[in-house]
Amino acid sequence: MNTLGFKKGLAPNPHAIVFETGAGSIFAIRTPLVDLEHIAEKGAGISIWFKVPDADALFQKLQEEGVVIIKPIEDGPFGRVFILKDPDGYAITIHGGNKRQK
């Protein structure tokens, strides 16, 4: 953690630990959202999130390129969010931008 320059940051979720560099790079580790004893799916229990400036634009681009979307874009706790499946079958969450105005 110190070698890479990460320091423990604020975590609004009590089930997560957030690390940040102060230069914009952030990652978090949280308890799995599924019961790992009863899941055989590849990558279950692993949550990988990437923050991007415009999740809607990336969602549109990835759809046009045929990327498998597991969960369509919607408002989430950190702005707009969607989940895609990477080439190895892992779920990747993308978030960023502001929530849609109603």
Protein backbone atom coordinates (compact mmCIF):
# COMPACT_ATOMS: atom_id res chain seq x y z
CA MET A 1 0.00 0.00 0.00
CA ASN A 2 2.72 2.51 0.95
CA THR A 3 4.96 1.47 -1.95
CA LEU A 4 2.22 2.31 -4.46
CA GLY A 5 1.35 5.54 -2.66
CA PHE A 6 -2.17 4.58 -1.59
CA LYS A 7 -3.59 5.85 1.69
CA LYS A 8 -6.81 4.74 3.36
CA GLY A 9 -9.61 7.07 2.27
CA LEU A 10 -13.19 7.70 3.30
CA ALA A 11 -15.59 4.83 2.67
CA PRO A 12 -19.32 5.64 2.73
CA ASN A 13 -20.04 1.90 2.74
CA PRO A 14 -19.21 0.07 6.00
CA HIS A 15 -18.51 -3.11 4.00
CA ALA A 16 -15.71 -1.49 1.97
CA ILE A 17 -12.23 -0.09 2.43
CA VAL A 18 -11.23 2.70 0.04
CA PHE A 19 -7.66 3.57 -0.91
CA GLU A 20 -6.58 6.71 -2.78
CA THR A 21 -3.38 8.37 -4.00
CA GLY A 22 -4.46 11.98 -3.85
CA ALA A 23 -3.77 12.15 -7.59
CA GLY A 24 -7.18 10.82 -8.60
CA SER A 25 -6.51 7.07 -8.49
CA ILE A 26 -8.87 5.22 -6.17
CA PHE A 27 -9.64 1.57 -5.55
CA ALA A 28 -11.81 -0.20 -3.02
CA ILE A 29 -12.08 -3.66 -1.54
CA ARG A 30 -15.40 -4.79 -0.14
CA THR A 31 -17.03 -7.92 1.17
CA PRO A 32 -18.66 -10.02 -1.57
CA LEU A 33 -22.30 -9.34 -2.40
CA VAL A 34 -22.97 -13.04 -2.99
CA ASP A 35 -22.63 -16.20 -0.90
CA LEU A 36 -19.40 -17.62 -2.33
CA GLU A 37 -20.14 -21.09 -0.93
CA HIS A 38 -23.04 -21.48 -3.40
CA ILE A 39 -21.75 -19.76 -6.53
CA ALA A 40 -19.87 -21.50 -9.33
CA GLU A 41 -19.82 -18.52 -11.73
CA LYS A 42 -16.40 -17.24 -12.70
CA GLY A 43 -15.45 -14.09 -10.82
CA ALA A 44 -18.35 -14.20 -8.37
CA GLY A 45 -17.56 -12.09 -5.36
CA ILE A 46 -15.08 -9.91 -7.25
CA SER A 47 -16.16 -6.34 -7.89
CA ILE A 48 -14.06 -4.24 -10.21
CA TRP A 49 -15.20 -0.64 -10.72
CA PHE A 50 -13.77 1.99 -13.04
CA LYS A 51 -14.69 5.66 -12.84
CA VAL A 52 -14.90 7.45 -16.18
CA PRO A 53 -15.79 11.06 -17.03
CA ASP A 54 -18.89 10.12 -19.07
CA ALA A 55 -20.42 6.69 -18.43
CA ASP A 56 -23.27 7.33 -20.90
CA ALA A 57 -20.86 7.99 -23.78
CA LEU A 58 -18.79 4.90 -22.97
CA PHE A 59 -21.94 2.77 -22.62
CA GLN A 60 -23.09 3.89 -26.09
CA LYS A 61 -19.66 3.17 -27.62
CA LEU A 62 -19.38 -0.28 -26.05
CA GLN A 63 -22.89 -1.22 -27.18
CA GLU A 64 -22.00 -0.20 -30.75
CA GLU A 65 -18.87 -2.38 -30.54
CA GLY A 66 -20.86 -5.42 -29.39
CA VAL A 67 -19.53 -5.63 -25.84
CA VAL A 68 -21.74 -7.84 -23.65
CA ILE A 69 -23.67 -5.64 -21.22
CA ILE A 70 -24.81 -7.42 -18.07
CA LYS A 71 -26.74 -4.50 -16.57
CA PRO A 72 -27.80 -1.46 -18.63
CA ILE A 73 -26.89 2.05 -17.63
CA GLU A 74 -28.87 3.67 -14.83
CA ASP A 75 -28.48 6.13 -11.98
CA GLY A 76 -26.40 4.65 -9.17
CA PRO A 77 -24.79 5.76 -5.93
CA PHE A 78 -21.83 7.35 -7.78
CA GLY A 79 -23.56 8.84 -10.82
CA ARG A 80 -24.42 6.83 -13.92
CA VAL A 81 -23.46 3.16 -13.75
CA PHE A 82 -23.52 -0.01 -15.90
CA ILE A 83 -21.95 -3.46 -15.81
CA LEU A 84 -20.23 -5.19 -18.72
CA LYS A 85 -18.66 -8.61 -19.16
CA ASP A 86 -14.97 -8.56 -20.04
CA PRO A 87 -13.48 -11.04 -22.56
CA ASP A 88 -12.59 -13.45 -19.73
CA GLY A 89 -16.15 -13.45 -18.37
CA TYR A 90 -15.66 -11.15 -15.39
CA ALA A 91 -18.18 -8.45 -14.52
CA ILE A 92 -16.77 -4.91 -14.68
CA THR A 93 -18.73 -1.95 -13.30
CA ILE A 94 -18.30 1.43 -14.99
CA HIS A 95 -19.49 4.58 -13.26
CA GLY A 96 -19.17 8.30 -13.69
CA GLY A 97 -20.83 11.49 -14.70
CA ASN A 98 -23.89 12.92 -13.04
CA LYS A 99 -27.25 11.35 -12.41
CA ARG A 100 -29.87 12.05 -15.06
CA GLN A 101 -32.14 15.03 -14.44
CA LYS A 102 -35.78 14.03 -14.06
